[in-house]
Amino acid sequence: QVQVVESGGGLVQPGGSLRLSCTSSGTDILPFRMGWYRQVPGKERELVATHTLRNTTNLAGYVEGRFFISRDKDKNTAYLQMTRLKPEDTAVYYCLVNIFNGGTSFWGQGTQVSVSS
């Protein structure tokens, strides 16, 4: 069974940086897509960034130039480098894993990111 584990959330001041990590395990197959979504109470989960084995990246407009996604295929880990954080980036960030293109989505448990002075 695929397991997805995130880490790296926390409290940071506006303008600061954080790096989130997401590791997938439970299969020998390298996931086709790994990425990040976020959610605040009362709102739907929204895309932050995803990366595929075709080296295509899908990045939400509101994080362009501030957030950067990368993958270490040897470690089966995706990273979300977040810079110039704003209070409106406060949310629970969830890692998404698709083993196959168009296949089942596996989610991590979420990690809280809070941006506040």
C-alpha atoms as a PDB file:
ATOM      1  CA  GLN A   1       0.000   0.000   0.000  1.00  0.00           C
ATOM      2  CA  VAL A   2       1.290   3.445  -0.924  1.00  0.00           C
ATOM      3  CA  GLN A   3       2.192   5.655   1.997  1.00  0.00           C
ATOM      4  CA  VAL A   4       2.769   9.380   1.797  1.00  0.00           C
ATOM      5  CA  VAL A   5       4.500  11.292   4.577  1.00  0.00           C
ATOM      6  CA  GLU A   6       5.029  15.048   4.709  1.00  0.00           C
ATOM      7  CA  SER A   7       7.288  17.064   6.955  1.00  0.00           C
ATOM      8  CA  GLY A   8       8.663  20.563   7.288  1.00  0.00           C
ATOM      9  CA  GLY A   9       5.689  22.694   8.264  1.00  0.00           C
ATOM     10  CA  GLY A  10       5.756  25.236  11.038  1.00  0.00           C
ATOM     11  CA  LEU A  11       5.380  28.865  12.023  1.00  0.00           C
ATOM     12  CA  VAL A  12       7.274  31.513  10.107  1.00  0.00           C
ATOM     13  CA  GLN A  13       7.181  35.294   9.900  1.00  0.00           C
ATOM     14  CA  PRO A  14       5.980  37.056   6.751  1.00  0.00           C
ATOM     15  CA  GLY A  15       8.759  37.173   4.198  1.00  0.00           C
ATOM     16  CA  GLY A  16      10.349  34.027   5.586  1.00  0.00           C
ATOM     17  CA  SER A  17      10.986  30.645   3.991  1.00  0.00           C
ATOM     18  CA  LEU A  18      10.136  27.011   4.650  1.00  0.00           C
ATOM     19  CA  ARG A  19      10.831  23.767   2.828  1.00  0.00           C
ATOM     20  CA  LEU A  20       8.320  20.956   2.843  1.00  0.00           C
ATOM     21  CA  SER A  21       9.285  17.363   2.103  1.00  0.00           C
ATOM     22  CA  CYS A  22       7.114  14.506   0.907  1.00  0.00           C
ATOM     23  CA  THR A  23       8.248  10.909   0.715  1.00  0.00           C
ATOM     24  CA  SER A  24       6.342   8.120  -0.966  1.00  0.00           C
ATOM     25  CA  SER A  25       6.820   4.459  -0.051  1.00  0.00           C
ATOM     26  CA  GLY A  26       5.116   1.095  -0.390  1.00  0.00           C
ATOM     27  CA  THR A  27       5.766   0.482  -4.090  1.00  0.00           C
ATOM     28  CA  ASP A  28       8.801  -0.098  -6.272  1.00  0.00           C
ATOM     29  CA  ILE A  29       7.267   2.057  -8.992  1.00  0.00           C
ATOM     30  CA  LEU A  30       8.480   5.633  -9.241  1.00  0.00           C
ATOM     31  CA  PRO A  31       5.367   7.848  -8.960  1.00  0.00           C
ATOM     32  CA  PHE A  32       4.328   9.571 -12.136  1.00  0.00           C
ATOM     33  CA  ARG A  33       3.233  12.730 -10.284  1.00  0.00           C
ATOM     34  CA  MET A  34       4.065  14.212  -6.914  1.00  0.00           C
ATOM     35  CA  GLY A  35       2.949  17.559  -5.679  1.00  0.00           C
ATOM     36  CA  TRP A  36       1.280  19.780  -3.162  1.00  0.00           C
ATOM     37  CA  TYR A  37      -2.171  21.091  -2.462  1.00  0.00           C
ATOM     38  CA  ARG A  38      -3.304  23.249   0.425  1.00  0.00           C
ATOM     39  CA  GLN A  39      -6.512  23.836   2.325  1.00  0.00           C
ATOM     40  CA  VAL A  40      -7.877  26.336   4.820  1.00  0.00           C
ATOM     41  CA  PRO A  41     -10.999  25.752   6.920  1.00  0.00           C
ATOM     42  CA  GLY A  42     -14.181  26.296   4.981  1.00  0.00           C
ATOM     43  CA  LYS A  43     -12.519  26.226   1.578  1.00  0.00           C
ATOM     44  CA  GLU A  44     -11.770  23.562  -0.980  1.00  0.00           C
ATOM     45  CA  ARG A  45      -8.350  22.051  -1.319  1.00  0.00           C
ATOM     46  CA  GLU A  46      -6.406  23.949  -3.990  1.00  0.00           C
ATOM     47  CA  LEU A  47      -3.427  23.233  -6.172  1.00  0.00           C
ATOM     48  CA  VAL A  48      -0.048  24.615  -5.171  1.00  0.00           C
ATOM     49  CA  ALA A  49       2.406  22.753  -7.430  1.00  0.00           C
ATOM     50  CA  THR A  50       2.907  19.367  -9.057  1.00  0.00           C
ATOM     51  CA  HIS A  51       5.760  17.733 -10.931  1.00  0.00           C
ATOM     52  CA  THR A  52       5.688  14.732 -13.265  1.00  0.00           C
ATOM     53  CA  LEU A  53       8.219  12.252 -14.575  1.00  0.00           C
ATOM     54  CA  ARG A  54       7.959  14.078 -17.904  1.00  0.00           C
ATOM     55  CA  ASN A  55       9.557  16.993 -16.063  1.00  0.00           C
ATOM     56  CA  THR A  56       6.426  19.082 -16.435  1.00  0.00           C
ATOM     57  CA  THR A  57       5.477  21.392 -13.607  1.00  0.00           C
ATOM     58  CA  ASN A  58       2.056  22.802 -12.837  1.00  0.00           C
ATOM     59  CA  LEU A  59       2.313  25.810 -10.536  1.00  0.00           C
ATOM     60  CA  ALA A  60      -0.556  27.916  -9.198  1.00  0.00           C
ATOM     61  CA  GLY A  61      -0.353  31.516 -10.282  1.00  0.00           C
ATOM     62  CA  TYR A  62      -0.415  32.873  -6.766  1.00  0.00           C
ATOM     63  CA  VAL A  63       2.866  31.139  -5.891  1.00  0.00           C
ATOM     64  CA  GLU A  64       4.811  31.712  -9.105  1.00  0.00           C
ATOM     65  CA  GLY A  65       8.184  33.222  -8.377  1.00  0.00           C
ATOM     66  CA  ARG A  66       7.882  32.390  -4.675  1.00  0.00           C
ATOM     67  CA  PHE A  67       7.430  28.600  -4.440  1.00  0.00           C
ATOM     68  CA  PHE A  68       9.547  26.010  -6.216  1.00  0.00           C
ATOM     69  CA  ILE A  69       8.943  22.277  -6.535  1.00  0.00           C
ATOM     70  CA  SER A  70      11.633  19.681  -7.058  1.00  0.00           C
ATOM     71  CA  ARG A  71      12.052  15.911  -6.837  1.00  0.00           C
ATOM     72  CA  ASP A  72      14.807  13.590  -5.773  1.00  0.00           C
ATOM     73  CA  LYS A  73      13.949  10.414  -7.645  1.00  0.00           C
ATOM     74  CA  ASP A  74      16.603   8.394  -5.816  1.00  0.00           C
ATOM     75  CA  LYS A  75      14.921   9.204  -2.507  1.00  0.00           C
ATOM     76  CA  ASN A  76      11.384   9.134  -3.923  1.00  0.00           C
ATOM     77  CA  THR A  77      10.913  12.533  -2.324  1.00  0.00           C
ATOM     78  CA  ALA A  78       9.404  15.799  -3.498  1.00  0.00           C
ATOM     79  CA  TYR A  79      10.250  19.169  -2.029  1.00  0.00           C
ATOM     80  CA  LEU A  80       8.358  22.435  -1.929  1.00  0.00           C
ATOM     81  CA  GLN A  81      10.646  25.373  -1.298  1.00  0.00           C
ATOM     82  CA  MET A  82       8.499  28.274  -0.151  1.00  0.00           C
ATOM     83  CA  THR A  83       9.976  31.771  -0.092  1.00  0.00           C
ATOM     84  CA  ARG A  84       8.603  35.246   0.579  1.00  0.00           C
ATOM     85  CA  LEU A  85       5.776  33.700   2.530  1.00  0.00           C
ATOM     86  CA  LYS A  86       2.622  35.710   3.127  1.00  0.00           C
ATOM     87  CA  PRO A  87      -0.060  35.401   5.824  1.00  0.00           C
ATOM     88  CA  GLU A  88      -2.462  34.179   3.139  1.00  0.00           C
ATOM     89  CA  ASP A  89      -0.182  31.168   2.565  1.00  0.00           C
ATOM     90  CA  THR A  90      -1.296  29.885   5.960  1.00  0.00           C
ATOM     91  CA  ALA A  91      -2.933  26.497   5.393  1.00  0.00           C
ATOM     92  CA  VAL A  92      -2.565  22.777   5.821  1.00  0.00           C
ATOM     93  CA  TYR A  93      -0.372  21.544   2.993  1.00  0.00           C
ATOM     94  CA  TYR A  94      -1.058  18.066   1.622  1.00  0.00           C
ATOM     95  CA  CYS A  95       1.216  15.990  -0.543  1.00  0.00           C
ATOM     96  CA  LEU A  96      -0.317  14.213  -3.513  1.00  0.00           C
ATOM     97  CA  VAL A  97       1.114  11.109  -5.154  1.00  0.00           C
ATOM     98  CA  ASN A  98      -0.114   9.507  -8.389  1.00  0.00           C
ATOM     99  CA  ILE A  99       1.731   6.319  -9.140  1.00  0.00           C
ATOM    100  CA  PHE A 100       0.259   6.250 -12.647  1.00  0.00           C
ATOM    101  CA  ASN A 101      -0.912   9.061 -14.914  1.00  0.00           C
ATOM    102  CA  GLY A 102      -4.645   9.341 -14.275  1.00  0.00           C
ATOM    103  CA  GLY A 103      -4.457   6.769 -11.527  1.00  0.00           C
ATOM    104  CA  THR A 104      -5.512   6.805  -7.888  1.00  0.00           C
ATOM    105  CA  SER A 105      -4.428   9.790  -5.834  1.00  0.00           C
ATOM    106  CA  PHE A 106      -2.728   9.077  -2.542  1.00  0.00           C
ATOM    107  CA  TRP A 107      -2.596  11.825   0.070  1.00  0.00           C
ATOM    108  CA  GLY A 108      -0.423  12.523   3.050  1.00  0.00           C
ATOM    109  CA  GLN A 109      -1.781  13.485   6.440  1.00  0.00           C
ATOM    110  CA  GLY A 110      -1.023  17.164   5.923  1.00  0.00           C
ATOM    111  CA  THR A 111       1.400  19.567   7.538  1.00  0.00           C
ATOM    112  CA  GLN A 112       0.443  22.954   8.972  1.00  0.00           C
ATOM    113  CA  VAL A 113       2.122  26.076   7.631  1.00  0.00           C
ATOM    114  CA  SER A 114       1.405  29.270   9.547  1.00  0.00           C
ATOM    115  CA  VAL A 115       2.680  32.662   8.464  1.00  0.00           C
ATOM    116  CA  SER A 116       2.314  35.301  11.137  1.00  0.00           C
ATOM    117  CA  SER A 117       4.247  37.999  12.915  1.00  0.00           C
END
